[in-house]
Amino acid sequence: MSMKWWTESLSKRTLIAAMSLTLVFTSGCSLLPDEKEEEVLPEIIPPQISNKPEYEVTTKTLETKVQVIGKLISMQEETLYFTLGEKHIKEIYVKAGDQVQAGDPIAALDVEELEKTLRNERLAFRREENAMKQTLRDRDEMDPLEFEEKQIAFEEKRQKLVDMEEEIAKATIYAPFAGTIVTLNKQKGDTVKAYDPIAIVADTALITPAAKLSKTELEKVAVGMEAVVTISSVGNFKGKVKQLPVKSTEQDNGGGGIPGGENRPERPEDFMIVDLPELPKDLNRGTPISINIITKRTENAIVIPPSTLRSIGSRTYVQVIDEEGKREVDVEVGQQTSTDVEILQGLEPGQKVVGR
């Protein structure tokens, strides 16, 4: 009985001790600080070496061009102006678009005061003529020097009348040839200075493409070169350079051939002219155009892209890639455009070169 009780008592005490120990460990764990979670590092991916582009060496027709902006002009046109200055326009006889014949009046200045002065001078000169007749009768009785002085004075007064008549004649401008009034810059009542442009008359049957060239462009272009003229909404037309601008002493003097300098009227001689075998009818003078002049053409040229060409100092080379890998090859370069480089020596069609 006592043994049994002791055994049961020992079992209970052992169970209680175990439970107490479990509680101690459990409470002890709750008192310890939480462990940090392990940081997850991103995977490091090694950088990839980029593959440079490869291009095949090809052949093509290579053209070097000079592109200029121009307009349609007439090979026979003239800017009309007065040589009298600070006058009012009394009358305009035409309007833009009118057809005129040679000799038709275009415009006239108000020179009423000059005409009044001329009438008075003519009356006074009639008295001088009567006096000169008497001088001629008395010539044999006069001192030769006195007679010569009177004769000179008479001629001066007659020349004064001629000069005034010429000035009045300049007050009207006329059409120099049959054509069309393509531009009219002034109207009745305007005050004009000498050489102010009044109107432009042109023969519209002689319309042709033209452009002004800079000094650099002029050095590259020659008569006979092929040219392609582009007229917006009309089309492209092939022709040849017919005429280059004529350098004149007026240009050397800053356009000083007439007063006005920079306002000197344009002439066909100031332009590069392109001859076209065929040109559509009913084109308007002044229509803007684009002209591509082919300054050099090479058939079957070996070409590569500009991005494949390399240079160090005076050396020019490319990187060629084949079954053996990459290697450097020195090349001789010909003409170049914005999209192609001609190779004269060093490469053959079909090879591959590496870009940058």
Protein backbone atom coordinates (compact mmCIF):
# COMPACT_ATOMS: atom_id res chain seq x y z
CA MET A 1 0.00 0.00 0.00
CA SER A 2 2.73 2.40 1.01
CA MET A 3 4.91 1.36 -1.95
CA LYS A 4 2.08 1.94 -4.39
CA TRP A 5 1.35 5.31 -2.92
CA TRP A 6 5.00 6.28 -3.11
CA THR A 7 5.24 5.22 -6.70
CA GLU A 8 2.16 7.21 -7.66
CA SER A 9 3.41 10.18 -5.70
CA LEU A 10 6.77 10.00 -7.50
CA SER A 11 5.11 9.91 -10.88
CA LYS A 12 3.01 12.95 -10.05
CA ARG A 13 6.05 14.84 -8.82
CA THR A 14 7.99 13.94 -11.96
CA LEU A 15 5.13 15.14 -14.20
CA ILE A 16 4.84 18.40 -12.25
CA ALA A 17 8.58 18.99 -12.53
CA ALA A 18 8.54 18.38 -16.26
CA MET A 19 5.64 20.77 -16.76
CA SER A 20 7.40 23.38 -14.63
CA LEU A 21 10.59 23.04 -16.66
CA THR A 22 8.60 23.41 -19.89
CA LEU A 23 6.99 26.59 -18.60
CA VAL A 24 10.38 27.99 -17.60
CA PHE A 25 11.85 27.34 -21.05
CA THR A 26 8.76 28.70 -22.75
CA SER A 27 8.74 31.91 -20.74
CA GLY A 28 12.49 32.20 -21.14
CA CYS A 29 12.22 32.09 -24.93
CA SER A 30 9.61 34.82 -24.90
CA LEU A 31 11.99 37.07 -22.95
CA LEU A 32 14.85 36.73 -25.53
CA PRO A 33 15.01 39.28 -28.44
CA ASP A 34 13.70 38.14 -31.83
CA GLU A 35 16.37 36.99 -34.22
CA LYS A 36 16.75 39.09 -37.43
CA GLU A 37 15.56 37.48 -40.59
CA GLU A 38 18.32 36.75 -43.11
CA GLU A 39 18.54 39.53 -45.75
CA VAL A 40 17.72 38.39 -49.25
CA LEU A 41 20.28 39.90 -51.66
CA PRO A 42 19.30 40.50 -55.30
CA GLU A 43 20.91 38.28 -57.83
CA ILE A 44 23.87 39.95 -59.50
CA ILE A 45 23.72 39.54 -63.25
CA PRO A 46 27.04 40.16 -65.00
CA PRO A 47 26.86 42.88 -67.70
CA GLN A 48 26.50 41.68 -71.24
CA ILE A 49 28.94 42.92 -73.83
CA SER A 50 26.87 44.62 -76.53
CA ASN A 51 27.20 43.28 -80.03
CA LYS A 52 28.29 46.02 -82.43
CA PRO A 53 26.37 46.21 -85.69
CA GLU A 54 27.78 44.53 -88.74
CA TYR A 55 27.34 45.80 -92.31
CA GLU A 56 27.98 44.18 -95.65
CA VAL A 57 30.21 45.93 -98.16
CA THR A 58 28.05 46.66 -101.22
CA THR A 59 28.17 48.48 -104.56
CA LYS A 60 25.87 51.22 -105.82
CA THR A 61 25.73 54.29 -108.01
CA LEU A 62 27.10 57.03 -105.80
CA GLU A 63 26.11 60.66 -106.41
CA THR A 64 27.38 63.81 -104.73
CA LYS A 65 24.86 66.63 -104.96
CA VAL A 66 24.57 70.32 -104.23
CA GLN A 67 21.02 71.24 -103.22
CA VAL A 68 19.85 74.84 -103.60
CA ILE A 69 16.53 76.63 -103.31
CA GLY A 70 15.49 78.76 -106.27
CA LYS A 71 12.50 80.04 -108.18
CA LEU A 72 11.07 80.29 -111.67
CA ILE A 73 12.15 83.44 -113.48
CA SER A 74 11.80 84.75 -117.00
CA MET A 75 14.86 84.96 -119.20
CA GLN A 76 13.50 88.29 -120.38
CA GLU A 77 12.34 90.47 -117.54
CA GLU A 78 13.13 93.97 -116.38
CA THR A 79 12.51 96.03 -113.27
CA LEU A 80 11.21 99.48 -114.13
CA TYR A 81 12.04 102.58 -112.05
CA PHE A 82 12.25 106.35 -112.27
CA THR A 83 15.59 108.16 -112.24
CA LEU A 84 13.94 111.29 -110.83
CA GLY A 85 13.76 111.37 -107.06
CA GLU A 86 11.34 112.64 -104.40
CA LYS A 87 8.35 112.93 -106.75
CA HIS A 88 4.72 111.88 -106.42
CA ILE A 89 3.29 109.30 -108.81
CA LYS A 90 0.70 111.11 -110.90
CA GLU A 91 -0.67 108.08 -112.73
CA ILE A 92 -0.38 104.28 -112.90
CA TYR A 93 -1.51 103.00 -116.28
CA VAL A 94 -1.39 99.24 -115.59
CA LYS A 95 -2.17 96.67 -112.94
CA ALA A 96 -0.49 93.37 -112.04
CA GLY A 97 -1.22 90.69 -114.63
CA ASP A 98 -1.79 93.11 -117.52
CA GLN A 99 -0.34 92.32 -120.93
CA VAL A 100 1.66 95.19 -122.41
CA GLN A 101 3.35 95.95 -125.69
CA ALA A 102 6.72 97.58 -126.18
CA GLY A 103 6.38 101.33 -125.67
CA ASP A 104 3.18 101.22 -123.59
CA PRO A 105 3.25 103.74 -120.71
CA ILE A 106 3.49 102.13 -117.26
CA ALA A 107 3.52 105.08 -114.82
CA ALA A 108 4.12 108.85 -114.70
CA LEU A 109 5.38 111.31 -112.09
CA ASP A 110 3.89 114.68 -111.21
CA VAL A 111 6.28 117.20 -112.82
CA GLU A 112 3.83 120.09 -113.25
CA GLU A 113 6.21 122.61 -111.67
CA LEU A 114 9.03 121.49 -113.96
CA GLU A 115 6.75 121.80 -117.01
CA LYS A 116 5.73 125.32 -115.93
CA THR A 117 9.37 126.33 -115.57
CA LEU A 118 10.11 124.89 -119.02
CA ARG A 119 7.34 126.97 -120.61
CA ASN A 120 8.76 130.16 -119.08
CA GLU A 121 12.27 129.26 -120.17
CA ARG A 122 11.11 128.68 -123.72
CA LEU A 123 9.53 132.12 -123.87
CA ALA A 124 12.69 133.70 -122.50
CA PHE A 125 14.76 131.79 -125.02
CA ARG A 126 12.77 133.24 -127.91
CA ARG A 127 14.05 136.67 -126.84
CA GLU A 128 17.55 135.23 -126.72
CA GLU A 129 17.14 133.93 -130.26
CA ASN A 130 16.14 137.40 -131.54
CA ALA A 131 19.12 138.91 -129.75
CA MET A 132 21.41 136.28 -131.28
CA LYS A 133 20.14 137.09 -134.77
CA GLN A 134 21.13 140.72 -134.24
CA THR A 135 24.50 139.62 -132.92
CA LEU A 136 25.12 137.63 -136.07
CA ARG A 137 24.32 140.71 -138.19
CA ASP A 138 26.78 142.78 -136.19
CA ARG A 139 29.47 140.11 -136.08
CA ASP A 140 31.81 141.90 -138.48
CA GLU A 141 31.74 145.02 -136.32
CA MET A 142 32.26 143.13 -133.01
CA ASP A 143 35.42 142.06 -131.22
CA PRO A 144 35.89 138.33 -131.95
CA LEU A 145 36.21 137.52 -128.24
CA GLU A 146 32.97 139.38 -127.42
CA PHE A 147 31.14 137.55 -130.19
CA GLU A 148 32.38 134.15 -128.95
CA GLU A 149 31.26 134.88 -125.37
CA LYS A 150 27.74 135.79 -126.56
CA GLN A 151 27.62 132.67 -128.67
CA ILE A 152 28.63 130.49 -125.69
CA ALA A 153 26.02 132.11 -123.47
CA PHE A 154 23.36 131.46 -126.10
CA GLU A 155 24.35 127.78 -126.42
CA GLU A 156 24.26 127.36 -122.61
CA LYS A 157 20.67 128.63 -122.49
CA ARG A 158 19.66 126.36 -125.36
CA GLN A 159 21.27 123.36 -123.63
CA LYS A 160 19.38 124.24 -120.43
CA LEU A 161 16.11 123.85 -122.34
CA VAL A 162 17.23 120.47 -123.74
CA ASP A 163 18.14 119.26 -120.24
CA MET A 164 14.77 120.28 -118.84
CA GLU A 165 12.96 118.52 -121.69
CA GLU A 166 14.94 115.34 -120.98
CA GLU A 167 14.10 115.53 -117.27
CA ILE A 168 10.40 115.81 -118.05
CA ALA A 169 10.68 112.88 -120.47
CA LYS A 170 12.08 110.81 -117.59
CA ALA A 171 8.85 111.37 -115.67
CA THR A 172 7.16 108.58 -117.64
CA ILE A 173 8.36 104.98 -117.83
CA TYR A 174 7.42 102.66 -120.70
CA ALA A 175 7.39 98.91 -121.30
CA PRO A 176 10.74 97.95 -122.88
CA PHE A 177 9.25 94.89 -124.62
CA ALA A 178 6.01 92.95 -124.93
CA GLY A 179 5.23 90.97 -121.80
CA THR A 180 3.24 90.76 -118.58
CA ILE A 181 3.25 93.05 -115.56
CA VAL A 182 4.22 90.39 -113.00
CA THR A 183 4.84 92.80 -110.10
CA LEU A 184 3.52 96.27 -109.29
CA ASN A 185 5.11 97.84 -106.20
CA LYS A 186 3.60 101.35 -106.12
CA GLN A 187 0.28 103.05 -106.50
CA LYS A 188 -1.00 106.45 -107.54
CA GLY A 189 -0.03 109.20 -105.08
CA ASP A 190 3.01 107.45 -103.62
CA THR A 191 6.22 109.42 -103.19
CA VAL A 192 9.15 107.64 -104.80
CA LYS A 193 12.89 108.02 -104.75
CA ALA A 194 15.17 107.55 -107.70
CA TYR A 195 15.58 103.86 -108.60
CA ASP A 196 12.76 102.65 -106.35
CA PRO A 197 11.29 99.56 -108.10
CA ILE A 198 7.92 100.45 -109.64
CA ALA A 199 7.02 97.35 -111.64
CA ILE A 200 8.50 94.24 -113.24
CA VAL A 201 7.60 93.31 -116.78
CA ALA A 202 8.46 89.79 -117.98
CA ASP A 203 7.95 87.56 -120.98
CA THR A 204 6.15 84.66 -119.28
CA ALA A 205 6.75 82.43 -122.32
CA LEU A 206 10.44 82.30 -121.32
CA ILE A 207 9.98 80.87 -117.79
CA THR A 208 12.98 78.87 -116.56
CA PRO A 209 14.33 77.43 -113.27
CA ALA A 210 16.98 79.56 -111.58
CA ALA A 211 18.79 79.93 -108.27
CA LYS A 212 21.35 82.18 -106.63
CA LEU A 213 24.52 80.44 -105.45
CA SER A 214 26.78 81.12 -102.51
CA LYS A 215 30.53 81.37 -103.09
CA THR A 216 31.02 77.82 -101.76
CA GLU A 217 28.26 76.41 -103.99
CA LEU A 218 29.60 78.26 -107.02
CA GLU A 219 33.00 76.60 -106.57
CA LYS A 220 31.38 73.15 -106.88
CA VAL A 221 29.02 73.75 -109.81
CA ALA A 222 29.91 73.92 -113.51
CA VAL A 223 28.00 74.41 -116.75
CA GLY A 224 26.77 71.10 -118.18
CA MET A 225 26.25 69.31 -114.86
CA GLU A 226 23.05 67.30 -114.53
CA ALA A 227 20.34 68.80 -112.36
CA VAL A 228 16.96 67.68 -111.05
CA VAL A 229 14.38 70.42 -110.55
CA THR A 230 11.56 69.78 -108.09
CA ILE A 231 8.44 71.92 -108.40
CA SER A 232 6.05 71.38 -105.53
CA SER A 233 2.79 69.68 -106.51
CA VAL A 234 4.01 69.46 -110.12
CA GLY A 235 6.88 66.95 -110.16
CA ASN A 236 10.59 66.38 -110.83
CA PHE A 237 12.27 67.41 -114.07
CA LYS A 238 15.76 66.52 -115.32
CA GLY A 239 17.95 69.06 -117.05
CA LYS A 240 21.44 70.56 -117.14
CA VAL A 241 23.11 73.67 -115.79
CA LYS A 242 23.02 76.16 -118.67
CA GLN A 243 24.41 79.33 -117.13
CA LEU A 244 26.26 80.40 -113.99
CA PRO A 245 25.85 83.81 -112.33
CA VAL A 246 27.85 86.55 -114.02
CA LYS A 247 30.15 88.42 -111.67
CA SER A 248 29.93 92.12 -112.44
CA THR A 249 31.70 95.27 -111.31
CA GLU A 250 28.43 96.26 -109.65
CA GLN A 251 28.66 93.16 -107.43
CA ASP A 252 32.29 93.96 -106.64
CA ASN A 253 31.22 97.43 -105.51
CA GLY A 254 28.41 96.11 -103.34
CA GLY A 255 25.74 96.60 -105.99
CA GLY A 256 26.79 100.19 -106.53
CA GLY A 257 26.15 100.24 -110.27
CA ILE A 258 23.08 102.38 -109.53
CA PRO A 259 22.14 104.25 -106.38
CA GLY A 260 20.40 101.95 -103.97
CA GLY A 261 23.14 99.32 -103.66
CA GLU A 262 21.34 96.38 -102.09
CA ASN A 263 18.11 97.39 -103.85
CA ARG A 264 19.61 96.90 -107.29
CA PRO A 265 17.02 95.05 -109.39
CA GLU A 266 17.60 91.35 -110.02
CA ARG A 267 18.60 90.28 -113.49
CA PRO A 268 18.73 86.83 -115.14
CA GLU A 269 22.52 87.23 -115.16
CA ASP A 270 22.48 87.09 -111.34
CA PHE A 271 21.20 83.48 -111.35
CA MET A 272 22.32 79.96 -112.16
CA ILE A 273 20.02 78.87 -114.98
CA VAL A 274 18.91 75.25 -115.54
CA ASP A 275 17.87 74.19 -119.02
CA LEU A 276 14.96 71.74 -119.07
CA PRO A 277 13.94 69.94 -122.28
CA GLU A 278 10.30 70.07 -121.20
CA LEU A 279 8.57 72.32 -118.71
CA PRO A 280 4.82 72.33 -118.01
CA LYS A 281 2.89 75.31 -119.28
CA ASP A 282 1.01 77.84 -117.16
CA LEU A 283 3.71 77.98 -114.48
CA ASN A 284 3.95 81.24 -112.58
CA ARG A 285 7.08 83.33 -112.38
CA GLY A 286 8.33 83.37 -108.81
CA THR A 287 7.17 79.82 -107.97
CA PRO A 288 9.68 78.36 -105.44
CA ILE A 289 11.64 75.31 -106.55
CA SER A 290 14.37 72.98 -105.29
CA ILE A 291 17.36 72.10 -107.48
CA ASN A 292 19.73 69.16 -106.96
CA ILE A 293 22.93 69.54 -109.00
CA ILE A 294 24.85 66.28 -109.44
CA THR A 295 28.49 67.33 -109.10
CA LYS A 296 29.93 63.79 -109.21
CA ARG A 297 28.62 60.33 -110.09
CA THR A 298 30.40 56.96 -109.72
CA GLU A 299 28.88 53.79 -111.13
CA ASN A 300 29.37 50.51 -109.17
CA ALA A 301 31.13 52.26 -106.33
CA ILE A 302 32.18 50.06 -103.36
CA VAL A 303 30.49 51.64 -100.35
CA ILE A 304 30.21 51.26 -96.58
CA PRO A 305 28.23 53.23 -93.97
CA PRO A 306 30.08 56.24 -92.45
CA SER A 307 29.72 54.70 -88.97
CA THR A 308 32.12 51.87 -89.90
CA LEU A 309 35.01 54.17 -90.85
CA ARG A 310 37.72 54.71 -88.23
CA SER A 311 40.80 56.90 -88.14
CA ILE A 312 43.86 57.43 -85.99
CA GLY A 313 46.08 60.30 -87.05
CA SER A 314 46.62 59.97 -90.78
CA ARG A 315 45.52 56.34 -90.79
CA THR A 316 42.03 55.40 -92.03
CA TYR A 317 40.83 51.85 -91.44
CA VAL A 318 37.85 49.57 -90.79
CA GLN A 319 37.27 46.46 -88.71
CA VAL A 320 36.54 43.46 -90.93
CA ILE A 321 34.86 40.39 -89.44
CA ASP A 322 35.12 36.92 -90.98
CA GLU A 323 35.48 33.29 -89.87
CA GLU A 324 38.82 34.13 -88.26
CA GLY A 325 37.34 36.94 -86.15
CA LYS A 326 37.92 40.70 -86.29
CA ARG A 327 40.88 42.37 -87.93
CA GLU A 328 41.80 45.90 -88.94
CA VAL A 329 42.15 46.78 -92.62
CA ASP A 330 43.52 50.08 -93.96
CA VAL A 331 41.34 51.65 -96.66
CA GLU A 332 41.52 54.46 -99.21
CA VAL A 333 38.42 56.66 -99.24
CA GLY A 334 36.82 58.33 -102.26
CA GLN A 335 33.72 60.49 -102.35
CA GLN A 336 31.48 60.67 -99.32
CA THR A 337 27.80 61.43 -98.82
CA SER A 338 25.64 61.60 -95.72
CA THR A 339 24.81 57.86 -96.04
CA ASP A 340 27.75 56.28 -97.89
CA VAL A 341 31.54 56.28 -98.06
CA GLU A 342 33.26 55.13 -101.25
CA ILE A 343 36.18 52.73 -100.75
CA LEU A 344 38.79 52.91 -103.48
CA GLN A 345 41.14 50.29 -102.03
CA GLY A 346 41.08 47.82 -99.14
CA LEU A 347 37.67 46.15 -99.36
CA GLU A 348 35.69 43.94 -101.69
CA PRO A 349 31.91 43.59 -102.05
CA GLY A 350 30.48 40.91 -99.76
CA GLN A 351 32.87 41.46 -96.88
CA LYS A 352 31.44 42.49 -93.50
CA VAL A 353 32.60 45.49 -91.49
CA VAL A 354 31.86 46.42 -87.90
CA GLY A 355 30.09 49.64 -86.94
CA ARG A 356 30.59 51.69 -83.82
